[in-house]
Amino acid sequence: MNTVYFQPQGIKPKYCEVGMISETDPEHIWYLDEPCKILISEVKIIPKEQVVYNKKQRLYIVKDVVS
């Protein structure tokens, strides 16, 4: 299974969710904290280098990218 960071529709761009892609179900992302899944085509994938975990708030935050 591969860990992936993603933004479903309706989430603020500052935040993201984390999930796993199963080898047996490669079209879906399974949420780590909830027993549900979402289609990969319905989310925006975020590179792990752009994600920071805030331990105090227990949130995954997308870092600003300077172009």
PDB file of N, CA and C in Angstrom:
ATOM      1  N   MET A   1       0.840  -1.181   0.000  1.00  0.00           N
ATOM      2  CA  MET A   1       0.000   0.000   0.000  1.00  0.00           C
ATOM      3  C   MET A   1       0.888   1.249   0.000  1.00  0.00           C
ATOM      4  N   ASN A   2       0.453   2.276  -0.695  1.00  0.00           N
ATOM      5  CA  ASN A   2       1.203   3.519  -0.803  1.00  0.00           C
ATOM      6  C   ASN A   2       0.469   4.645  -0.100  1.00  0.00           C
ATOM      7  N   THR A   3       1.170   5.416   0.732  1.00  0.00           N
ATOM      8  CA  THR A   3       0.582   6.570   1.403  1.00  0.00           C
ATOM      9  C   THR A   3       0.503   7.718   0.410  1.00  0.00           C
ATOM     10  N   VAL A   4      -0.627   8.437   0.450  1.00  0.00           N
ATOM     11  CA  VAL A   4      -0.831   9.559  -0.461  1.00  0.00           C
ATOM     12  C   VAL A   4      -1.543  10.690   0.288  1.00  0.00           C
ATOM     13  N   TYR A   5      -1.170  11.916  -0.042  1.00  0.00           N
ATOM     14  CA  TYR A   5      -1.810  13.103   0.521  1.00  0.00           C
ATOM     15  C   TYR A   5      -2.690  13.697  -0.572  1.00  0.00           C
ATOM     16  N   PHE A   6      -3.891  14.117  -0.211  1.00  0.00           N
ATOM     17  CA  PHE A   6      -4.837  14.576  -1.223  1.00  0.00           C
ATOM     18  C   PHE A   6      -5.808  15.598  -0.661  1.00  0.00           C
ATOM     19  N   GLN A   7      -6.421  16.345  -1.588  1.00  0.00           N
ATOM     20  CA  GLN A   7      -7.431  17.333  -1.225  1.00  0.00           C
ATOM     21  C   GLN A   7      -8.743  16.974  -1.924  1.00  0.00           C
ATOM     22  N   PRO A   8      -9.746  16.532  -1.162  1.00  0.00           N
ATOM     23  CA  PRO A   8     -11.059  16.312  -1.761  1.00  0.00           C
ATOM     24  C   PRO A   8     -11.752  17.648  -2.013  1.00  0.00           C
ATOM     25  N   GLN A   9     -12.792  17.627  -2.806  1.00  0.00           N
ATOM     26  CA  GLN A   9     -13.542  18.853  -3.083  1.00  0.00           C
ATOM     27  C   GLN A   9     -14.114  19.399  -1.785  1.00  0.00           C
ATOM     28  N   GLY A  10     -14.085  20.727  -1.657  1.00  0.00           N
ATOM     29  CA  GLY A  10     -14.673  21.379  -0.489  1.00  0.00           C
ATOM     30  C   GLY A  10     -13.701  21.617   0.658  1.00  0.00           C
ATOM     31  N   ILE A  11     -12.499  21.074   0.595  1.00  0.00           N
ATOM     32  CA  ILE A  11     -11.530  21.296   1.665  1.00  0.00           C
ATOM     33  C   ILE A  11     -10.755  22.587   1.374  1.00  0.00           C
ATOM     34  N   LYS A  12     -10.381  23.314   2.423  1.00  0.00           N
ATOM     35  CA  LYS A  12      -9.590  24.534   2.239  1.00  0.00           C
ATOM     36  C   LYS A  12      -8.230  24.152   1.668  1.00  0.00           C
ATOM     37  N   PRO A  13      -7.698  24.943   0.718  1.00  0.00           N
ATOM     38  CA  PRO A  13      -6.411  24.615   0.077  1.00  0.00           C
ATOM     39  C   PRO A  13      -5.235  24.513   1.044  1.00  0.00           C
ATOM     40  N   LYS A  14      -5.380  25.067   2.239  1.00  0.00           N
ATOM     41  CA  LYS A  14      -4.320  25.019   3.239  1.00  0.00           C
ATOM     42  C   LYS A  14      -4.166  23.617   3.844  1.00  0.00           C
ATOM     43  N   TYR A  15      -5.210  22.804   3.780  1.00  0.00           N
ATOM     44  CA  TYR A  15      -5.225  21.501   4.432  1.00  0.00           C
ATOM     45  C   TYR A  15      -5.318  20.362   3.428  1.00  0.00           C
ATOM     46  N   CYS A  16      -4.962  19.162   3.895  1.00  0.00           N
ATOM     47  CA  CYS A  16      -5.136  17.977   3.063  1.00  0.00           C
ATOM     48  C   CYS A  16      -5.426  16.775   3.950  1.00  0.00           C
ATOM     49  N   GLU A  17      -5.818  15.702   3.318  1.00  0.00           N
ATOM     50  CA  GLU A  17      -6.110  14.443   3.989  1.00  0.00           C
ATOM     51  C   GLU A  17      -5.006  13.459   3.654  1.00  0.00           C
ATOM     52  N   VAL A  18      -4.947  12.364   4.388  1.00  0.00           N
ATOM     53  CA  VAL A  18      -3.967  11.319   4.113  1.00  0.00           C
ATOM     54  C   VAL A  18      -4.699   9.991   3.968  1.00  0.00           C
ATOM     55  N   GLY A  19      -4.201   9.197   3.042  1.00  0.00           N
ATOM     56  CA  GLY A  19      -4.828   7.907   2.803  1.00  0.00           C
ATOM     57  C   GLY A  19      -3.846   6.923   2.206  1.00  0.00           C
ATOM     58  N   MET A  20      -4.371   5.775   1.826  1.00  0.00           N
ATOM     59  CA  MET A  20      -3.556   4.716   1.255  1.00  0.00           C
ATOM     60  C   MET A  20      -4.185   4.249  -0.047  1.00  0.00           C
ATOM     61  N   ILE A  21      -3.334   3.909  -1.006  1.00  0.00           N
ATOM     62  CA  ILE A  21      -3.797   3.298  -2.251  1.00  0.00           C
ATOM     63  C   ILE A  21      -3.437   1.824  -2.172  1.00  0.00           C
ATOM     64  N   SER A  22      -4.435   0.979  -2.243  1.00  0.00           N
ATOM     65  CA  SER A  22      -4.238  -0.466  -2.169  1.00  0.00           C
ATOM     66  C   SER A  22      -3.876  -1.022  -3.537  1.00  0.00           C
ATOM     67  N   GLU A  23      -3.008  -2.008  -3.573  1.00  0.00           N
ATOM     68  CA  GLU A  23      -2.643  -2.650  -4.839  1.00  0.00           C
ATOM     69  C   GLU A  23      -3.835  -3.386  -5.444  1.00  0.00           C
ATOM     70  N   THR A  24      -4.765  -3.828  -4.615  1.00  0.00           N
ATOM     71  CA  THR A  24      -5.937  -4.546  -5.118  1.00  0.00           C
ATOM     72  C   THR A  24      -7.073  -3.622  -5.549  1.00  0.00           C
ATOM     73  N   ASP A  25      -6.995  -2.342  -5.179  1.00  0.00           N
ATOM     74  CA  ASP A  25      -8.031  -1.366  -5.533  1.00  0.00           C
ATOM     75  C   ASP A  25      -7.361  -0.043  -5.907  1.00  0.00           C
ATOM     76  N   PRO A  26      -6.644   0.016  -7.043  1.00  0.00           N
ATOM     77  CA  PRO A  26      -5.838   1.196  -7.380  1.00  0.00           C
ATOM     78  C   PRO A  26      -6.627   2.424  -7.829  1.00  0.00           C
ATOM     79  N   GLU A  27      -7.946   2.335  -7.965  1.00  0.00           N
ATOM     80  CA  GLU A  27      -8.752   3.486  -8.383  1.00  0.00           C
ATOM     81  C   GLU A  27      -9.278   4.297  -7.205  1.00  0.00           C
ATOM     82  N   HIS A  28      -9.060   3.810  -5.988  1.00  0.00           N
ATOM     83  CA  HIS A  28      -9.579   4.472  -4.793  1.00  0.00           C
ATOM     84  C   HIS A  28      -8.466   4.784  -3.809  1.00  0.00           C
ATOM     85  N   ILE A  29      -8.710   5.821  -2.994  1.00  0.00           N
ATOM     86  CA  ILE A  29      -7.845   6.140  -1.858  1.00  0.00           C
ATOM     87  C   ILE A  29      -8.652   5.818  -0.603  1.00  0.00           C
ATOM     88  N   TRP A  30      -8.079   5.009   0.269  1.00  0.00           N
ATOM     89  CA  TRP A  30      -8.707   4.685   1.554  1.00  0.00           C
ATOM     90  C   TRP A  30      -8.203   5.675   2.603  1.00  0.00           C
ATOM     91  N   TYR A  31      -9.106   6.377   3.275  1.00  0.00           N
ATOM     92  CA  TYR A  31      -8.737   7.302   4.351  1.00  0.00           C
ATOM     93  C   TYR A  31      -8.061   6.519   5.472  1.00  0.00           C
ATOM     94  N   LEU A  32      -7.027   7.106   6.090  1.00  0.00           N
ATOM     95  CA  LEU A  32      -6.350   6.445   7.203  1.00  0.00           C
ATOM     96  C   LEU A  32      -7.170   6.496   8.482  1.00  0.00           C
ATOM     97  N   ASP A  33      -7.862   7.606   8.713  1.00  0.00           N
ATOM     98  CA  ASP A  33      -8.572   7.801   9.984  1.00  0.00           C
ATOM     99  C   ASP A  33     -10.044   7.405   9.951  1.00  0.00           C
ATOM    100  N   GLU A  34     -10.552   7.024   8.782  1.00  0.00           N
ATOM    101  CA  GLU A  34     -11.966   6.698   8.656  1.00  0.00           C
ATOM    102  C   GLU A  34     -12.138   5.452   7.793  1.00  0.00           C
ATOM    103  N   PRO A  35     -13.174   4.683   8.034  1.00  0.00           N
ATOM    104  CA  PRO A  35     -13.379   3.468   7.235  1.00  0.00           C
ATOM    105  C   PRO A  35     -14.130   3.751   5.923  1.00  0.00           C
ATOM    106  N   CYS A  36     -13.568   4.617   5.084  1.00  0.00           N
ATOM    107  CA  CYS A  36     -14.214   4.922   3.814  1.00  0.00           C
ATOM    108  C   CYS A  36     -13.153   5.193   2.752  1.00  0.00           C
ATOM    109  N   LYS A  37     -13.606   5.264   1.501  1.00  0.00           N
ATOM    110  CA  LYS A  37     -12.686   5.494   0.398  1.00  0.00           C
ATOM    111  C   LYS A  37     -13.279   6.524  -0.556  1.00  0.00           C
ATOM    112  N   ILE A  38     -12.408   7.063  -1.440  1.00  0.00           N
ATOM    113  CA  ILE A  38     -12.822   8.068  -2.407  1.00  0.00           C
ATOM    114  C   ILE A  38     -12.100   7.775  -3.719  1.00  0.00           C
ATOM    115  N   LEU A  39     -12.740   8.093  -4.821  1.00  0.00           N
ATOM    116  CA  LEU A  39     -12.122   7.892  -6.124  1.00  0.00           C
ATOM    117  C   LEU A  39     -10.935   8.836  -6.311  1.00  0.00           C
ATOM    118  N   ILE A  40      -9.861   8.321  -6.863  1.00  0.00           N
ATOM    119  CA  ILE A  40      -8.680   9.148  -7.120  1.00  0.00           C
ATOM    120  C   ILE A  40      -9.015  10.280  -8.084  1.00  0.00           C
ATOM    121  N   SER A  41      -9.907  10.026  -9.031  1.00  0.00           N
ATOM    122  CA  SER A  41     -10.260  11.039 -10.030  1.00  0.00           C
ATOM    123  C   SER A  41     -11.019  12.226  -9.430  1.00  0.00           C
ATOM    124  N   GLU A  42     -11.498  12.110  -8.198  1.00  0.00           N
ATOM    125  CA  GLU A  42     -12.271  13.174  -7.551  1.00  0.00           C
ATOM    126  C   GLU A  42     -11.431  14.045  -6.615  1.00  0.00           C
ATOM    127  N   VAL A  43     -10.116  13.797  -6.529  1.00  0.00           N
ATOM    128  CA  VAL A  43      -9.271  14.536  -5.596  1.00  0.00           C
ATOM    129  C   VAL A  43      -8.047  15.097  -6.302  1.00  0.00           C
ATOM    130  N   LYS A  44      -7.382  16.047  -5.618  1.00  0.00           N
ATOM    131  CA  LYS A  44      -6.115  16.592  -6.093  1.00  0.00           C
ATOM    132  C   LYS A  44      -5.010  15.968  -5.242  1.00  0.00           C
ATOM    133  N   ILE A  45      -4.043  15.313  -5.876  1.00  0.00           N
ATOM    134  CA  ILE A  45      -2.937  14.679  -5.172  1.00  0.00           C
ATOM    135  C   ILE A  45      -1.889  15.747  -4.830  1.00  0.00           C
ATOM    136  N   ILE A  46      -1.394  15.722  -3.598  1.00  0.00           N
ATOM    137  CA  ILE A  46      -0.396  16.675  -3.117  1.00  0.00           C
ATOM    138  C   ILE A  46       0.917  15.919  -2.888  1.00  0.00           C
ATOM    139  N   PRO A  47       2.046  16.395  -3.444  1.00  0.00           N
ATOM    140  CA  PRO A  47       3.334  15.744  -3.181  1.00  0.00           C
ATOM    141  C   PRO A  47       3.677  15.767  -1.697  1.00  0.00           C
ATOM    142  N   LYS A  48       4.225  14.674  -1.186  1.00  0.00           N
ATOM    143  CA  LYS A  48       4.503  14.587   0.256  1.00  0.00           C
ATOM    144  C   LYS A  48       5.506  15.630   0.731  1.00  0.00           C
ATOM    145  N   GLU A  49       6.345  16.143  -0.178  1.00  0.00           N
ATOM    146  CA  GLU A  49       7.310  17.177   0.193  1.00  0.00           C
ATOM    147  C   GLU A  49       6.626  18.489   0.563  1.00  0.00           C
ATOM    148  N   GLN A  50       5.384  18.684   0.149  1.00  0.00           N
ATOM    149  CA  GLN A  50       4.654  19.921   0.414  1.00  0.00           C
ATOM    150  C   GLN A  50       3.738  19.815   1.630  1.00  0.00           C
ATOM    151  N   VAL A  51       3.792  18.698   2.357  1.00  0.00           N
ATOM    152  CA  VAL A  51       2.870  18.475   3.474  1.00  0.00           C
ATOM    153  C   VAL A  51       3.628  18.437   4.802  1.00  0.00           C
ATOM    154  N   VAL A  52       3.073  19.137   5.790  1.00  0.00           N
ATOM    155  CA  VAL A  52       3.617  19.151   7.147  1.00  0.00           C
ATOM    156  C   VAL A  52       2.499  18.704   8.084  1.00  0.00           C
ATOM    157  N   TYR A  53       2.857  17.896   9.084  1.00  0.00           N
ATOM    158  CA  TYR A  53       1.867  17.459  10.067  1.00  0.00           C
ATOM    159  C   TYR A  53       1.979  18.319  11.315  1.00  0.00           C
ATOM    160  N   ASN A  54       0.869  18.949  11.718  1.00  0.00           N
ATOM    161  CA  ASN A  54       0.812  19.755  12.934  1.00  0.00           C
ATOM    162  C   ASN A  54       0.352  18.832  14.063  1.00  0.00           C
ATOM    163  N   LYS A  55       1.284  18.434  14.943  1.00  0.00           N
ATOM    164  CA  LYS A  55       0.968  17.477  16.012  1.00  0.00           C
ATOM    165  C   LYS A  55      -0.028  18.038  17.016  1.00  0.00           C
ATOM    166  N   LYS A  56       0.091  19.314  17.321  1.00  0.00           N
ATOM    167  CA  LYS A  56      -0.788  19.923  18.322  1.00  0.00           C
ATOM    168  C   LYS A  56      -2.243  19.924  17.854  1.00  0.00           C
ATOM    169  N   GLN A  57      -2.454  20.316  16.585  1.00  0.00           N
ATOM    170  CA  GLN A  57      -3.812  20.378  16.041  1.00  0.00           C
ATOM    171  C   GLN A  57      -4.226  19.081  15.360  1.00  0.00           C
ATOM    172  N   ARG A  58      -3.261  18.186  15.145  1.00  0.00           N
ATOM    173  CA  ARG A  58      -3.486  16.908  14.460  1.00  0.00           C
ATOM    174  C   ARG A  58      -4.080  17.127  13.074  1.00  0.00           C
ATOM    175  N   LEU A  59      -3.424  18.037  12.305  1.00  0.00           N
ATOM    176  CA  LEU A  59      -3.859  18.370  10.956  1.00  0.00           C
ATOM    177  C   LEU A  59      -2.690  18.266   9.988  1.00  0.00           C
ATOM    178  N   TYR A  60      -2.995  17.902   8.750  1.00  0.00           N
ATOM    179  CA  TYR A  60      -2.002  17.907   7.687  1.00  0.00           C
ATOM    180  C   TYR A  60      -2.140  19.232   6.942  1.00  0.00           C
ATOM    181  N   ILE A  61      -1.040  20.000   6.866  1.00  0.00           N
ATOM    182  CA  ILE A  61      -1.054  21.345   6.296  1.00  0.00           C
ATOM    183  C   ILE A  61      -0.165  21.357   5.059  1.00  0.00           C
ATOM    184  N   VAL A  62      -0.670  21.989   3.986  1.00  0.00           N
ATOM    185  CA  VAL A  62       0.069  22.115   2.748  1.00  0.00           C
ATOM    186  C   VAL A  62       0.936  23.368   2.843  1.00  0.00           C
ATOM    187  N   LYS A  63       2.256  23.186   2.668  1.00  0.00           N
ATOM    188  CA  LYS A  63       3.178  24.321   2.714  1.00  0.00           C
ATOM    189  C   LYS A  63       3.003  25.178   1.467  1.00  0.00           C
ATOM    190  N   ASP A  64       3.234  26.485   1.629  1.00  0.00           N
ATOM    191  CA  ASP A  64       3.208  27.392   0.482  1.00  0.00           C
ATOM    192  C   ASP A  64       4.404  27.092  -0.402  1.00  0.00           C
ATOM    193  N   VAL A  65       4.160  27.042  -1.694  1.00  0.00           N
ATOM    194  CA  VAL A  65       5.228  26.788  -2.642  1.00  0.00           C
ATOM    195  C   VAL A  65       5.612  28.105  -3.301  1.00  0.00           C
ATOM    196  N   VAL A  66       6.885  28.472  -3.221  1.00  0.00           N
ATOM    197  CA  VAL A  66       7.374  29.707  -3.816  1.00  0.00           C
ATOM    198  C   VAL A  66       7.850  29.390  -5.227  1.00  0.00           C
ATOM    199  N   SER A  67       7.291  30.078  -6.224  1.00  0.00           N
ATOM    200  CA  SER A  67       7.686  29.841  -7.607  1.00  0.00           C
ATOM    201  C   SER A  67       8.744  30.815  -8.046  1.00  0.00           C
TER     202      SER A  67
END
